[in-house]
Amino acid sequence: MTIEEAQKAVDRWIREVGNGYFSPLTNMAVLTEEVGELARVISRTYGEQVAKPGDLRHPLSEELADVLWVTLCLANQTGVDLTEALKAGLEKRLTRDRDRFRP
């Protein structure tokens, strides 16, 4: 699935099943929640923190997908083409940071 296809699939679901988008501000809060859940899984799996019962009830892949879902929602409702945004971001890093990490 391409990024464009993902944006369209999310939009279709939101319009046909989800009863419309939350406001961008609400989706920003939801994204923050989802990033926190992702951080919990990563810190307990790859960091020094020890998982408590229930901390890892959702796998890393699910938490990453939740973050992506809300990101796609925000892009859709604000008119951002994420394919073009990613291309621009890559180009910026290829030029600006070309020699940044070389010894």
Protein backbone atom coordinates (compact mmCIF):
# COMPACT_ATOMS: atom_id res chain seq x y z
CA MET A 1 0.00 0.00 0.00
CA THR A 2 1.35 3.42 -0.92
CA ILE A 3 1.05 6.43 1.35
CA GLU A 4 -1.53 7.88 -1.05
CA GLU A 5 -3.55 4.67 -0.90
CA ALA A 6 -3.33 4.69 2.90
CA GLN A 7 -4.58 8.28 3.07
CA LYS A 8 -7.51 7.38 0.82
CA ALA A 9 -8.34 4.20 2.77
CA VAL A 10 -8.35 6.07 6.08
CA ASP A 11 -10.48 8.86 4.59
CA ARG A 12 -12.96 6.34 3.20
CA TRP A 13 -13.25 4.59 6.57
CA ILE A 14 -13.66 7.87 8.46
CA ARG A 15 -16.42 9.03 6.09
CA GLU A 16 -18.28 5.71 5.74
CA VAL A 17 -17.85 4.11 9.16
CA GLY A 18 -16.29 6.59 11.57
CA ASN A 19 -18.97 9.29 11.26
CA GLY A 20 -16.47 11.99 10.25
CA TYR A 21 -13.19 13.34 11.51
CA PHE A 22 -12.54 14.63 14.99
CA SER A 23 -11.28 18.21 14.99
CA PRO A 24 -7.58 18.66 14.23
CA LEU A 25 -7.05 19.71 17.84
CA THR A 26 -8.71 16.55 19.15
CA ASN A 27 -6.70 14.44 16.71
CA MET A 28 -3.52 16.12 17.92
CA ALA A 29 -4.44 15.09 21.47
CA VAL A 30 -5.20 11.54 20.26
CA LEU A 31 -1.84 11.45 18.46
CA THR A 32 -0.11 12.49 21.68
CA GLU A 33 -1.89 9.66 23.52
CA GLU A 34 -0.86 7.15 20.88
CA VAL A 35 2.77 8.29 20.94
CA GLY A 36 2.72 7.83 24.72
CA GLU A 37 1.47 4.27 24.31
CA LEU A 38 4.20 3.65 21.74
CA ALA A 39 6.79 5.10 24.12
CA ARG A 40 5.62 2.75 26.88
CA VAL A 41 6.12 -0.33 24.70
CA ILE A 42 9.54 0.83 23.50
CA SER A 43 10.78 1.82 26.96
CA ARG A 44 9.67 -1.50 28.45
CA THR A 45 10.95 -3.59 25.55
CA TYR A 46 14.21 -1.84 24.63
CA GLY A 47 14.91 0.42 27.61
CA GLU A 48 15.71 -0.08 31.25
CA GLN A 49 12.13 0.00 32.51
CA VAL A 50 10.55 -3.28 33.56
CA ALA A 51 7.07 -3.98 32.27
CA LYS A 52 4.23 -4.20 34.76
CA PRO A 53 1.23 -6.42 34.08
CA GLY A 54 -0.72 -4.89 31.20
CA ASP A 55 2.11 -2.63 29.98
CA LEU A 56 2.71 -4.74 26.90
CA ARG A 57 -0.85 -5.79 26.07
CA HIS A 58 -0.46 -4.26 22.60
CA PRO A 59 2.52 -5.13 20.37
CA LEU A 60 4.88 -2.52 19.00
CA SER A 61 3.46 -2.98 15.50
CA GLU A 62 -0.05 -2.09 16.70
CA GLU A 63 1.13 1.04 18.50
CA LEU A 64 3.12 2.18 15.44
CA ALA A 65 0.05 1.59 13.27
CA ASP A 66 -2.10 3.65 15.67
CA VAL A 67 0.35 6.56 15.40
CA LEU A 68 0.33 6.24 11.62
CA TRP A 69 -3.50 6.13 11.52
CA VAL A 70 -3.88 9.40 13.42
CA THR A 71 -1.08 11.00 11.38
CA LEU A 72 -2.96 10.03 8.21
CA CYS A 73 -6.15 11.52 9.68
CA LEU A 74 -4.42 14.81 10.46
CA ALA A 75 -2.89 14.95 6.99
CA ASN A 76 -6.25 14.26 5.34
CA GLN A 77 -8.19 16.84 7.26
CA THR A 78 -5.57 19.55 6.79
CA GLY A 79 -4.96 18.88 3.08
CA VAL A 80 -1.42 17.54 3.40
CA ASP A 81 -0.22 15.10 0.75
CA LEU A 82 2.08 12.92 2.85
CA THR A 83 3.79 11.44 -0.21
CA GLU A 84 4.95 14.88 -1.27
CA ALA A 85 5.74 15.87 2.32
CA LEU A 86 7.92 12.80 2.77
CA LYS A 87 9.70 13.43 -0.53
CA ALA A 88 10.43 17.00 0.56
CA GLY A 89 11.64 15.82 3.96
CA LEU A 90 13.96 13.28 2.39
CA GLU A 91 15.34 15.85 -0.04
CA LYS A 92 15.96 18.27 2.82
CA ARG A 93 17.94 15.65 4.70
CA LEU A 94 19.83 14.56 1.61
CA THR A 95 21.05 18.11 1.03
CA ARG A 96 21.19 19.74 4.46
CA ASP A 97 22.52 16.75 6.35
CA ARG A 98 24.60 15.12 3.62
CA ASP A 99 27.87 15.48 5.57
CA ARG A 100 26.47 16.04 9.05
CA PHE A 101 27.13 12.58 10.47
CA ARG A 102 30.44 11.80 8.83
CA PRO A 103 33.49 11.74 11.08
